């Protein structure tokens, strides 16, 4: 049986190992090539070393460097300008959503209200939207 073509490369950044594994499993099942990172500093290192994901999901509440600081660094250094940036967090106040959008995030997914499968579906929707623009 021939392996299905990979949809795209996705990087998922979350310090919750269980959720990270669940998201990785669901994305892999939908033919995404998945890279995970348990911290923003580790993710930044991978990106600076040349990894270019097409989609990046980042939690906002992270140790050392939070998701906002991470997005700010990506924007400032123009590291992955063509990557679809999405926030996956329980921070869902309008000011958090607005701040993440100002820093380049195209969408905001609230962890508590989306199953891992729904997160994959939402990413697919965001990918379709970004291709139309």
C-alpha atoms as a PDB file:
ATOM      1  CA  UNK A   1       0.000   0.000   0.000  1.00  0.00           C
ATOM      2  CA  UNK A   2       1.364   3.392  -0.999  1.00  0.00           C
ATOM      3  CA  UNK A   3       1.876   5.941   1.753  1.00  0.00           C
ATOM      4  CA  UNK A   4      -0.400   8.955   1.436  1.00  0.00           C
ATOM      5  CA  UNK A   5       1.214  12.254   0.558  1.00  0.00           C
ATOM      6  CA  UNK A   6       2.065  14.514   3.480  1.00  0.00           C
ATOM      7  CA  UNK A   7      -0.268  17.527   3.675  1.00  0.00           C
ATOM      8  CA  UNK A   8       2.341  19.834   5.185  1.00  0.00           C
ATOM      9  CA  UNK A   9       4.882  20.296   7.970  1.00  0.00           C
ATOM     10  CA  UNK A  10       3.411  21.378  11.278  1.00  0.00           C
ATOM     11  CA  UNK A  11       5.243  22.359  14.455  1.00  0.00           C
ATOM     12  CA  UNK A  12       3.368  22.101  17.751  1.00  0.00           C
ATOM     13  CA  UNK A  13       4.729  23.872  20.828  1.00  0.00           C
ATOM     14  CA  UNK A  14       3.238  23.024  24.217  1.00  0.00           C
ATOM     15  CA  UNK A  15       4.747  22.267  27.622  1.00  0.00           C
ATOM     16  CA  UNK A  16       1.998  19.718  28.404  1.00  0.00           C
ATOM     17  CA  UNK A  17       3.578  16.417  27.256  1.00  0.00           C
ATOM     18  CA  UNK A  18       0.268  14.518  27.221  1.00  0.00           C
ATOM     19  CA  UNK A  19      -1.479  17.096  25.024  1.00  0.00           C
ATOM     20  CA  UNK A  20       1.580  17.396  22.797  1.00  0.00           C
ATOM     21  CA  UNK A  21       1.481  13.623  22.186  1.00  0.00           C
ATOM     22  CA  UNK A  22      -2.273  13.689  21.529  1.00  0.00           C
ATOM     23  CA  UNK A  23      -2.000  16.541  19.019  1.00  0.00           C
ATOM     24  CA  UNK A  24       0.995  14.893  17.323  1.00  0.00           C
ATOM     25  CA  UNK A  25      -0.942  11.628  16.981  1.00  0.00           C
ATOM     26  CA  UNK A  26      -4.026  13.309  15.491  1.00  0.00           C
ATOM     27  CA  UNK A  27      -2.005  15.409  13.029  1.00  0.00           C
ATOM     28  CA  UNK A  28       0.064  12.367  11.988  1.00  0.00           C
ATOM     29  CA  UNK A  29      -3.152  10.389  11.375  1.00  0.00           C
ATOM     30  CA  UNK A  30      -4.234  13.160   8.974  1.00  0.00           C
ATOM     31  CA  UNK A  31      -0.917  12.923   7.067  1.00  0.00           C
ATOM     32  CA  UNK A  32       0.836  15.949   8.526  1.00  0.00           C
ATOM     33  CA  UNK A  33       4.588  15.770   9.068  1.00  0.00           C
ATOM     34  CA  UNK A  34       4.778  16.686  12.763  1.00  0.00           C
ATOM     35  CA  UNK A  35       7.581  18.243  14.787  1.00  0.00           C
ATOM     36  CA  UNK A  36       6.904  18.872  18.460  1.00  0.00           C
ATOM     37  CA  UNK A  37       8.610  21.052  20.982  1.00  0.00           C
ATOM     38  CA  UNK A  38       7.993  21.236  24.717  1.00  0.00           C
ATOM     39  CA  UNK A  39       9.234  24.806  24.913  1.00  0.00           C
ATOM     40  CA  UNK A  40       9.478  27.991  22.901  1.00  0.00           C
ATOM     41  CA  UNK A  41      13.266  28.254  23.327  1.00  0.00           C
ATOM     42  CA  UNK A  42      13.706  24.741  21.887  1.00  0.00           C
ATOM     43  CA  UNK A  43      11.337  25.601  19.026  1.00  0.00           C
ATOM     44  CA  UNK A  44      13.233  28.812  18.292  1.00  0.00           C
ATOM     45  CA  UNK A  45      16.474  26.823  18.179  1.00  0.00           C
ATOM     46  CA  UNK A  46      14.974  24.351  15.644  1.00  0.00           C
ATOM     47  CA  UNK A  47      13.682  27.211  13.481  1.00  0.00           C
ATOM     48  CA  UNK A  48      17.003  29.076  13.621  1.00  0.00           C
ATOM     49  CA  UNK A  49      18.716  25.807  12.611  1.00  0.00           C
ATOM     50  CA  UNK A  50      16.653  25.821   9.416  1.00  0.00           C
ATOM     51  CA  UNK A  51      13.381  24.039  10.186  1.00  0.00           C
ATOM     52  CA  UNK A  52      10.585  25.784   8.265  1.00  0.00           C
ATOM     53  CA  UNK A  53       7.110  24.539   9.202  1.00  0.00           C
ATOM     54  CA  UNK A  54       4.177  25.507   7.013  1.00  0.00           C
ATOM     55  CA  UNK A  55       1.926  25.650  10.097  1.00  0.00           C
ATOM     56  CA  UNK A  56       2.964  26.462  13.650  1.00  0.00           C
ATOM     57  CA  UNK A  57       0.746  26.004  16.721  1.00  0.00           C
ATOM     58  CA  UNK A  58       1.939  27.627  19.929  1.00  0.00           C
ATOM     59  CA  UNK A  59       0.597  27.723  23.470  1.00  0.00           C
ATOM     60  CA  UNK A  60       0.769  31.138  25.127  1.00  0.00           C
ATOM     61  CA  UNK A  61       1.390  30.029  28.716  1.00  0.00           C
ATOM     62  CA  UNK A  62       4.898  28.583  28.594  1.00  0.00           C
ATOM     63  CA  UNK A  63       7.920  28.576  30.927  1.00  0.00           C
ATOM     64  CA  UNK A  64      10.999  30.751  30.187  1.00  0.00           C
ATOM     65  CA  UNK A  65       9.656  32.508  27.073  1.00  0.00           C
ATOM     66  CA  UNK A  66       5.863  32.711  26.764  1.00  0.00           C
ATOM     67  CA  UNK A  67       3.977  32.375  23.490  1.00  0.00           C
ATOM     68  CA  UNK A  68       3.638  36.140  23.062  1.00  0.00           C
ATOM     69  CA  UNK A  69       7.406  36.641  23.427  1.00  0.00           C
ATOM     70  CA  UNK A  70       7.976  33.750  21.010  1.00  0.00           C
ATOM     71  CA  UNK A  71       5.663  35.262  18.363  1.00  0.00           C
ATOM     72  CA  UNK A  72       7.342  38.634  18.904  1.00  0.00           C
ATOM     73  CA  UNK A  73      10.779  37.092  18.333  1.00  0.00           C
ATOM     74  CA  UNK A  74       9.620  35.330  15.138  1.00  0.00           C
ATOM     75  CA  UNK A  75       8.208  38.603  13.829  1.00  0.00           C
ATOM     76  CA  UNK A  76      11.225  40.698  14.827  1.00  0.00           C
ATOM     77  CA  UNK A  77      13.749  38.302  13.272  1.00  0.00           C
ATOM     78  CA  UNK A  78      11.529  37.510  10.239  1.00  0.00           C
ATOM     79  CA  UNK A  79      12.340  33.841  10.800  1.00  0.00           C
ATOM     80  CA  UNK A  80       9.352  32.131   9.174  1.00  0.00           C
ATOM     81  CA  UNK A  81       7.352  34.863   7.423  1.00  0.00           C
ATOM     82  CA  UNK A  82       5.366  32.443   5.232  1.00  0.00           C
ATOM     83  CA  UNK A  83       4.312  30.121   8.049  1.00  0.00           C
ATOM     84  CA  UNK A  84       0.672  30.025   9.153  1.00  0.00           C
ATOM     85  CA  UNK A  85       0.855  30.905  12.867  1.00  0.00           C
ATOM     86  CA  UNK A  86      -1.948  29.721  15.138  1.00  0.00           C
ATOM     87  CA  UNK A  87      -2.334  30.051  18.889  1.00  0.00           C
ATOM     88  CA  UNK A  88      -3.528  27.003  20.823  1.00  0.00           C
ATOM     89  CA  UNK A  89      -4.150  28.148  24.381  1.00  0.00           C
ATOM     90  CA  UNK A  90      -6.604  28.458  27.223  1.00  0.00           C
ATOM     91  CA  UNK A  91      -5.921  32.203  27.322  1.00  0.00           C
ATOM     92  CA  UNK A  92      -9.003  33.391  25.506  1.00  0.00           C
ATOM     93  CA  UNK A  93      -9.668  36.942  26.685  1.00  0.00           C
ATOM     94  CA  UNK A  94     -10.226  39.320  23.783  1.00  0.00           C
ATOM     95  CA  UNK A  95      -7.017  41.213  24.624  1.00  0.00           C
ATOM     96  CA  UNK A  96      -5.006  37.945  24.433  1.00  0.00           C
ATOM     97  CA  UNK A  97      -6.538  37.091  21.058  1.00  0.00           C
ATOM     98  CA  UNK A  98      -5.923  40.630  19.790  1.00  0.00           C
ATOM     99  CA  UNK A  99      -2.319  40.682  21.005  1.00  0.00           C
ATOM    100  CA  UNK A 100      -1.547  37.336  19.349  1.00  0.00           C
ATOM    101  CA  UNK A 101      -3.061  38.583  16.069  1.00  0.00           C
ATOM    102  CA  UNK A 102      -0.947  41.752  16.230  1.00  0.00           C
ATOM    103  CA  UNK A 103       2.091  39.490  16.571  1.00  0.00           C
ATOM    104  CA  UNK A 104       1.189  37.558  13.419  1.00  0.00           C
ATOM    105  CA  UNK A 105      -1.148  34.772  14.522  1.00  0.00           C
ATOM    106  CA  UNK A 106      -3.891  34.052  11.992  1.00  0.00           C
ATOM    107  CA  UNK A 107      -6.155  32.279  14.444  1.00  0.00           C
ATOM    108  CA  UNK A 108      -6.749  31.412  18.080  1.00  0.00           C
ATOM    109  CA  UNK A 109      -7.946  27.982  19.207  1.00  0.00           C
ATOM    110  CA  UNK A 110      -9.095  27.581  22.813  1.00  0.00           C
ATOM    111  CA  UNK A 111      -7.689  24.275  24.092  1.00  0.00           C
ATOM    112  CA  UNK A 112     -10.444  23.646  26.614  1.00  0.00           C
ATOM    113  CA  UNK A 113     -13.178  23.872  23.993  1.00  0.00           C
ATOM    114  CA  UNK A 114     -11.578  21.775  21.228  1.00  0.00           C
ATOM    115  CA  UNK A 115     -10.671  18.094  21.095  1.00  0.00           C
ATOM    116  CA  UNK A 116      -7.380  17.205  19.377  1.00  0.00           C
ATOM    117  CA  UNK A 117      -9.368  16.097  16.292  1.00  0.00           C
ATOM    118  CA  UNK A 118     -11.200  19.432  16.235  1.00  0.00           C
ATOM    119  CA  UNK A 119      -7.852  21.230  16.459  1.00  0.00           C
ATOM    120  CA  UNK A 120      -6.719  19.388  13.307  1.00  0.00           C
ATOM    121  CA  UNK A 121      -9.982  20.323  11.545  1.00  0.00           C
ATOM    122  CA  UNK A 122      -9.548  23.954  12.568  1.00  0.00           C
ATOM    123  CA  UNK A 123      -5.980  24.001  11.243  1.00  0.00           C
ATOM    124  CA  UNK A 124      -7.206  22.577   7.922  1.00  0.00           C
ATOM    125  CA  UNK A 125      -9.846  25.350   7.776  1.00  0.00           C
ATOM    126  CA  UNK A 126      -7.235  28.026   8.525  1.00  0.00           C
ATOM    127  CA  UNK A 127      -4.969  26.583   5.816  1.00  0.00           C
ATOM    128  CA  UNK A 128      -7.784  26.820   3.255  1.00  0.00           C
ATOM    129  CA  UNK A 129      -8.538  30.412   4.319  1.00  0.00           C
ATOM    130  CA  UNK A 130      -4.895  31.447   4.068  1.00  0.00           C
ATOM    131  CA  UNK A 131      -4.609  30.033   0.534  1.00  0.00           C
ATOM    132  CA  UNK A 132      -7.582  32.134  -0.625  1.00  0.00           C
ATOM    133  CA  UNK A 133      -5.902  35.396   0.371  1.00  0.00           C
END
